[in-house]
N, C-alpha and C. Protein backbone atom coordinates (compact mmCIF):
# COMPACT_ATOMS: atom_id res chain seq x y z
N UNK A 1 12.79 15.61 -34.77
CA UNK A 1 12.97 15.40 -33.36
C UNK A 1 12.30 16.52 -32.57
N UNK A 2 12.54 17.76 -32.98
CA UNK A 2 11.95 18.89 -32.28
C UNK A 2 10.44 18.84 -32.36
N UNK A 3 9.91 18.43 -33.51
CA UNK A 3 8.46 18.31 -33.67
C UNK A 3 7.90 17.25 -32.73
N UNK A 4 8.61 16.15 -32.57
CA UNK A 4 8.17 15.10 -31.65
C UNK A 4 8.15 15.61 -30.21
N UNK A 5 9.16 16.38 -29.83
CA UNK A 5 9.22 16.94 -28.47
C UNK A 5 8.07 17.91 -28.25
N UNK A 6 7.77 18.74 -29.25
CA UNK A 6 6.66 19.68 -29.13
C UNK A 6 5.33 18.94 -29.03
N UNK A 7 5.20 17.86 -29.78
CA UNK A 7 3.98 17.05 -29.72
C UNK A 7 3.79 16.47 -28.33
N UNK A 8 4.86 15.96 -27.73
CA UNK A 8 4.78 15.42 -26.38
C UNK A 8 4.42 16.51 -25.37
N UNK A 9 5.02 17.69 -25.52
CA UNK A 9 4.73 18.78 -24.60
C UNK A 9 3.27 19.22 -24.73
N UNK A 10 2.75 19.23 -25.93
CA UNK A 10 1.36 19.63 -26.14
C UNK A 10 0.40 18.65 -25.49
N UNK A 11 0.78 17.40 -25.37
CA UNK A 11 -0.07 16.38 -24.75
C UNK A 11 0.12 16.31 -23.24
N UNK A 12 1.03 17.13 -22.70
CA UNK A 12 1.28 17.10 -21.27
C UNK A 12 2.22 15.98 -20.85
N UNK A 13 2.87 15.34 -21.80
CA UNK A 13 3.79 14.25 -21.48
C UNK A 13 5.22 14.77 -21.56
N UNK A 14 6.06 14.23 -20.72
CA UNK A 14 7.47 14.58 -20.77
C UNK A 14 8.24 13.45 -21.44
N UNK A 15 9.29 13.79 -22.17
CA UNK A 15 10.12 12.72 -22.72
C UNK A 15 10.72 11.91 -21.58
N UNK A 16 10.92 10.63 -21.79
CA UNK A 16 11.44 9.77 -20.73
C UNK A 16 12.91 10.06 -20.47
N UNK A 17 13.34 9.69 -19.27
CA UNK A 17 14.74 9.86 -18.88
C UNK A 17 15.61 8.87 -19.65
N UNK A 18 16.88 9.20 -19.81
CA UNK A 18 17.77 8.23 -20.45
C UNK A 18 17.78 6.94 -19.65
N UNK A 19 17.91 5.81 -20.34
CA UNK A 19 17.84 4.50 -19.70
C UNK A 19 19.01 4.23 -18.76
N UNK A 20 20.06 5.05 -18.79
CA UNK A 20 21.22 4.80 -17.94
C UNK A 20 21.36 5.84 -16.83
N UNK A 21 20.27 6.50 -16.48
CA UNK A 21 20.30 7.56 -15.48
C UNK A 21 19.11 7.40 -14.55
N UNK A 22 19.36 7.48 -13.24
CA UNK A 22 18.25 7.39 -12.30
C UNK A 22 18.71 7.03 -10.90
N UNK A 23 17.83 6.35 -10.17
CA UNK A 23 18.08 5.94 -8.79
C UNK A 23 17.81 4.45 -8.68
N UNK A 24 18.68 3.75 -7.97
CA UNK A 24 18.45 2.34 -7.68
C UNK A 24 18.97 2.03 -6.29
N UNK A 25 18.42 0.98 -5.72
CA UNK A 25 18.88 0.63 -4.39
C UNK A 25 18.04 -0.46 -3.77
N UNK A 26 18.02 -0.42 -2.43
CA UNK A 26 17.32 -1.44 -1.68
C UNK A 26 16.52 -0.78 -0.56
N UNK A 27 15.39 -1.39 -0.24
CA UNK A 27 14.57 -0.98 0.88
C UNK A 27 14.66 -2.06 1.94
N UNK A 28 14.85 -1.63 3.20
CA UNK A 28 14.93 -2.57 4.32
C UNK A 28 13.97 -2.15 5.42
N UNK A 29 13.67 -3.09 6.32
CA UNK A 29 12.82 -2.80 7.46
C UNK A 29 13.45 -3.40 8.71
N UNK A 30 13.33 -2.68 9.81
CA UNK A 30 13.86 -3.16 11.07
C UNK A 30 13.42 -2.25 12.20
N UNK A 31 13.53 -2.59 13.41
CA UNK A 31 13.90 -3.93 13.84
C UNK A 31 12.81 -4.94 13.50
N UNK A 32 13.23 -6.19 13.42
CA UNK A 32 12.26 -7.24 13.08
C UNK A 32 12.05 -8.23 14.22
N UNK A 33 12.72 -8.00 15.34
CA UNK A 33 12.55 -8.84 16.53
C UNK A 33 12.24 -7.92 17.72
N UNK A 34 11.36 -8.33 18.62
CA UNK A 34 11.04 -7.47 19.75
C UNK A 34 12.20 -7.31 20.73
N UNK A 35 13.09 -8.28 20.79
CA UNK A 35 14.25 -8.21 21.67
C UNK A 35 15.47 -8.69 20.89
N UNK A 36 16.54 -7.89 20.91
CA UNK A 36 17.76 -8.29 20.24
C UNK A 36 18.82 -8.61 21.29
N UNK A 37 19.50 -9.71 21.08
CA UNK A 37 20.58 -10.12 21.98
C UNK A 37 21.85 -10.29 21.17
N UNK A 38 22.99 -10.12 21.83
CA UNK A 38 24.28 -10.23 21.17
C UNK A 38 24.45 -11.60 20.53
N UNK A 39 23.99 -12.65 21.21
CA UNK A 39 24.18 -14.00 20.69
C UNK A 39 23.08 -14.41 19.69
N UNK A 40 22.09 -13.55 19.49
CA UNK A 40 21.02 -13.82 18.53
C UNK A 40 20.73 -12.55 17.73
N UNK A 41 21.56 -12.27 16.76
CA UNK A 41 21.36 -11.04 15.98
C UNK A 41 20.04 -11.07 15.21
N UNK A 42 19.51 -9.92 14.99
CA UNK A 42 18.24 -9.78 14.28
C UNK A 42 18.39 -8.65 13.26
N UNK A 43 19.05 -8.93 12.14
CA UNK A 43 19.32 -7.86 11.16
C UNK A 43 18.05 -7.38 10.45
N UNK A 44 18.15 -6.17 9.91
CA UNK A 44 17.06 -5.66 9.09
C UNK A 44 16.83 -6.61 7.93
N UNK A 45 15.61 -6.60 7.43
CA UNK A 45 15.24 -7.49 6.32
C UNK A 45 14.85 -6.68 5.09
N UNK A 46 14.92 -7.30 3.91
CA UNK A 46 14.43 -6.62 2.71
C UNK A 46 12.95 -6.29 2.87
N UNK A 47 12.53 -5.20 2.25
CA UNK A 47 11.14 -4.76 2.36
C UNK A 47 10.62 -4.35 0.99
N UNK A 48 9.48 -4.88 0.60
CA UNK A 48 8.86 -4.55 -0.68
C UNK A 48 8.00 -3.31 -0.50
N UNK A 49 8.67 -2.18 -0.25
CA UNK A 49 7.98 -0.92 0.01
C UNK A 49 7.70 -0.12 -1.25
N UNK A 50 7.15 1.05 -1.02
CA UNK A 50 6.79 1.97 -2.10
C UNK A 50 7.33 3.35 -1.77
N UNK A 51 7.88 4.02 -2.78
CA UNK A 51 8.46 5.34 -2.60
C UNK A 51 7.93 6.29 -3.67
N UNK A 52 7.55 7.48 -3.23
CA UNK A 52 7.16 8.54 -4.15
C UNK A 52 8.41 9.36 -4.46
N UNK A 53 8.69 9.58 -5.74
CA UNK A 53 9.83 10.38 -6.17
C UNK A 53 9.31 11.75 -6.55
N UNK A 54 9.83 12.79 -5.89
CA UNK A 54 9.33 14.16 -6.10
C UNK A 54 10.44 15.08 -6.57
N UNK A 55 10.06 16.00 -7.44
CA UNK A 55 11.03 16.96 -7.96
C UNK A 55 11.20 18.11 -6.99
N UNK A 56 11.99 19.11 -7.38
CA UNK A 56 12.30 20.24 -6.50
C UNK A 56 11.09 21.05 -6.08
N UNK A 57 10.01 21.01 -6.86
CA UNK A 57 8.81 21.77 -6.49
C UNK A 57 7.82 20.91 -5.69
N UNK A 58 8.20 19.65 -5.41
CA UNK A 58 7.34 18.78 -4.61
C UNK A 58 6.37 17.96 -5.43
N UNK A 59 6.40 18.11 -6.74
CA UNK A 59 5.51 17.33 -7.61
C UNK A 59 6.01 15.91 -7.80
N UNK A 60 5.10 14.94 -7.75
CA UNK A 60 5.51 13.54 -7.94
C UNK A 60 5.85 13.29 -9.40
N UNK A 61 7.05 12.75 -9.63
CA UNK A 61 7.48 12.43 -10.98
C UNK A 61 7.50 10.93 -11.23
N UNK A 62 7.49 10.15 -10.15
CA UNK A 62 7.49 8.69 -10.28
C UNK A 62 7.04 8.07 -8.96
N UNK A 63 6.58 6.85 -9.07
CA UNK A 63 6.21 6.05 -7.92
C UNK A 63 6.88 4.71 -8.15
N UNK A 64 7.67 4.25 -7.20
CA UNK A 64 8.44 3.03 -7.43
C UNK A 64 8.20 2.03 -6.30
N UNK A 65 8.07 0.77 -6.68
CA UNK A 65 7.86 -0.33 -5.75
C UNK A 65 9.08 -1.23 -5.76
N UNK A 66 9.50 -1.67 -4.58
CA UNK A 66 10.61 -2.62 -4.50
C UNK A 66 10.07 -4.03 -4.70
N UNK A 67 10.92 -4.92 -5.18
CA UNK A 67 10.52 -6.32 -5.32
C UNK A 67 10.63 -7.02 -3.96
N UNK A 68 10.36 -8.31 -3.92
CA UNK A 68 10.38 -9.07 -2.66
C UNK A 68 11.74 -9.04 -1.98
N UNK A 69 12.80 -8.84 -2.75
CA UNK A 69 14.15 -8.76 -2.18
C UNK A 69 14.52 -7.34 -1.77
N UNK A 70 13.58 -6.40 -1.93
CA UNK A 70 13.81 -5.01 -1.54
C UNK A 70 14.47 -4.15 -2.60
N UNK A 71 14.77 -4.71 -3.77
CA UNK A 71 15.45 -3.96 -4.82
C UNK A 71 14.47 -3.12 -5.64
N UNK A 72 14.96 -1.95 -6.05
CA UNK A 72 14.16 -1.09 -6.92
C UNK A 72 15.08 -0.30 -7.85
N UNK A 73 14.49 0.18 -8.92
CA UNK A 73 15.22 1.01 -9.88
C UNK A 73 14.20 1.89 -10.59
N UNK A 74 14.55 3.15 -10.75
CA UNK A 74 13.68 4.08 -11.48
C UNK A 74 14.55 4.97 -12.36
N UNK A 75 14.17 5.09 -13.63
CA UNK A 75 14.87 5.96 -14.56
C UNK A 75 14.42 7.40 -14.32
N UNK A 76 15.40 8.30 -14.16
CA UNK A 76 15.12 9.71 -13.93
C UNK A 76 16.13 10.56 -14.68
N UNK A 77 15.71 11.71 -15.10
CA UNK A 77 16.64 12.66 -15.71
C UNK A 77 17.55 13.21 -14.62
N UNK A 78 18.70 13.72 -15.00
CA UNK A 78 19.63 14.32 -14.03
C UNK A 78 18.91 15.42 -13.27
N UNK A 79 19.21 15.52 -11.97
CA UNK A 79 18.59 16.55 -11.14
C UNK A 79 18.54 16.10 -9.70
N UNK A 80 17.89 16.91 -8.88
CA UNK A 80 17.75 16.62 -7.46
C UNK A 80 16.31 16.22 -7.18
N UNK A 81 16.15 15.15 -6.41
CA UNK A 81 14.83 14.60 -6.11
C UNK A 81 14.73 14.28 -4.62
N UNK A 82 13.49 14.23 -4.14
CA UNK A 82 13.24 13.76 -2.78
C UNK A 82 12.54 12.42 -2.89
N UNK A 83 13.06 11.43 -2.16
CA UNK A 83 12.46 10.10 -2.10
C UNK A 83 11.64 10.05 -0.81
N UNK A 84 10.33 9.84 -0.96
CA UNK A 84 9.43 9.84 0.18
C UNK A 84 8.85 8.44 0.35
N UNK A 85 9.33 7.69 1.36
CA UNK A 85 8.79 6.35 1.61
C UNK A 85 7.32 6.44 2.02
N UNK A 86 6.50 5.58 1.47
CA UNK A 86 5.07 5.57 1.78
C UNK A 86 4.76 4.39 2.68
N UNK A 87 3.92 4.64 3.68
CA UNK A 87 3.51 3.58 4.59
C UNK A 87 2.37 2.80 3.94
N UNK A 88 2.39 1.47 4.03
CA UNK A 88 1.29 0.68 3.46
C UNK A 88 -0.05 0.99 4.14
N UNK A 89 0.03 1.48 5.38
CA UNK A 89 -1.16 1.84 6.16
C UNK A 89 -0.94 3.25 6.68
N UNK A 90 -1.39 4.29 5.94
CA UNK A 90 -1.11 5.67 6.33
C UNK A 90 -1.38 5.95 7.81
N UNK A 91 -0.40 6.59 8.45
CA UNK A 91 -0.50 6.92 9.85
C UNK A 91 -0.04 5.83 10.79
N UNK A 92 0.31 4.67 10.25
CA UNK A 92 0.75 3.54 11.06
C UNK A 92 2.10 3.03 10.53
N UNK A 93 2.89 2.38 11.41
CA UNK A 93 4.16 1.82 10.94
C UNK A 93 3.92 0.77 9.86
N UNK A 94 4.89 0.55 9.02
CA UNK A 94 6.25 1.07 9.08
C UNK A 94 6.36 2.47 8.48
N UNK A 95 7.34 3.22 8.97
CA UNK A 95 7.62 4.57 8.49
C UNK A 95 9.03 4.63 7.94
N UNK A 96 9.22 5.47 6.93
CA UNK A 96 10.55 5.73 6.40
C UNK A 96 10.79 7.22 6.37
N UNK A 97 12.05 7.62 6.47
CA UNK A 97 12.40 9.04 6.43
C UNK A 97 12.68 9.46 4.99
N UNK A 98 12.12 10.60 4.58
CA UNK A 98 12.43 11.11 3.24
C UNK A 98 13.92 11.42 3.12
N UNK A 99 14.44 11.28 1.93
CA UNK A 99 15.83 11.65 1.69
C UNK A 99 15.99 12.29 0.33
N UNK A 100 16.93 13.21 0.26
CA UNK A 100 17.20 13.93 -0.98
C UNK A 100 18.36 13.26 -1.69
N UNK A 101 18.20 13.07 -3.00
CA UNK A 101 19.26 12.46 -3.81
C UNK A 101 19.52 13.32 -5.04
N UNK A 102 20.75 13.25 -5.51
CA UNK A 102 21.12 13.95 -6.73
C UNK A 102 21.47 12.91 -7.78
N UNK A 103 20.80 13.00 -8.91
CA UNK A 103 21.05 12.10 -10.03
C UNK A 103 21.95 12.82 -11.02
N UNK A 104 23.05 12.18 -11.38
CA UNK A 104 23.98 12.76 -12.35
C UNK A 104 23.83 12.02 -13.67
N UNK A 105 24.12 12.69 -14.77
CA UNK A 105 23.96 12.05 -16.08
C UNK A 105 24.82 10.79 -16.22
N UNK A 106 24.25 9.76 -16.83
CA UNK A 106 24.99 8.57 -17.18
C UNK A 106 25.20 7.55 -16.09
N UNK A 107 24.55 7.71 -14.94
CA UNK A 107 24.72 6.70 -13.89
C UNK A 107 23.48 6.65 -12.99
N UNK A 108 23.41 5.57 -12.21
CA UNK A 108 22.34 5.42 -11.23
C UNK A 108 22.89 5.77 -9.86
N UNK A 109 22.19 6.61 -9.14
CA UNK A 109 22.54 6.96 -7.77
C UNK A 109 22.07 5.82 -6.87
N UNK A 110 22.98 5.31 -6.03
CA UNK A 110 22.68 4.20 -5.13
C UNK A 110 22.13 4.72 -3.80
N UNK A 111 21.00 4.15 -3.35
CA UNK A 111 20.43 4.55 -2.06
C UNK A 111 19.92 3.34 -1.29
N UNK A 112 19.86 3.50 0.01
CA UNK A 112 19.21 2.53 0.88
C UNK A 112 18.10 3.27 1.59
N UNK A 113 16.90 2.76 1.50
CA UNK A 113 15.76 3.35 2.16
C UNK A 113 15.40 2.44 3.32
N UNK A 114 15.49 2.99 4.53
CA UNK A 114 15.26 2.20 5.74
C UNK A 114 13.89 2.53 6.32
N UNK A 115 13.09 1.50 6.49
CA UNK A 115 11.78 1.64 7.15
C UNK A 115 11.91 1.21 8.61
N UNK A 116 11.25 1.95 9.49
CA UNK A 116 11.19 1.59 10.90
C UNK A 116 9.91 0.78 11.11
N UNK A 117 10.05 -0.45 11.59
CA UNK A 117 8.90 -1.32 11.76
C UNK A 117 8.01 -0.93 12.92
N UNK A 118 8.56 -0.17 13.86
CA UNK A 118 7.80 0.21 15.05
C UNK A 118 7.91 -0.78 16.18
N UNK A 119 8.59 -1.92 15.95
CA UNK A 119 8.76 -2.92 17.00
C UNK A 119 9.77 -2.40 18.01
N UNK A 120 9.41 -2.45 19.27
CA UNK A 120 10.32 -2.00 20.34
C UNK A 120 10.33 -2.99 21.45
């Protein structure tokens, strides 16, 4: 086992995270209507966005895409990470706010990543 770990380190690869540890959640986008009225609600919608997962030093450790329903899951080792939502068109909406998450051993940390559509 130790020899296998050393071999991976020599190749610049890291061993993968345990399959039961990481971050999962949903990405949404809103507002989705230019005018919202009490009698015609316009809830946020699922968004198939992309998020860069960065470690404490700012290095990207994963890139995750949500499916059409906005769901995503990424296996990560225990630790603290920053989730940085990426705009499909850099410099233009939609935008998401980065958030810091802590992953604990043996479970998935639940998050919601909200994108602002820019509609006003």
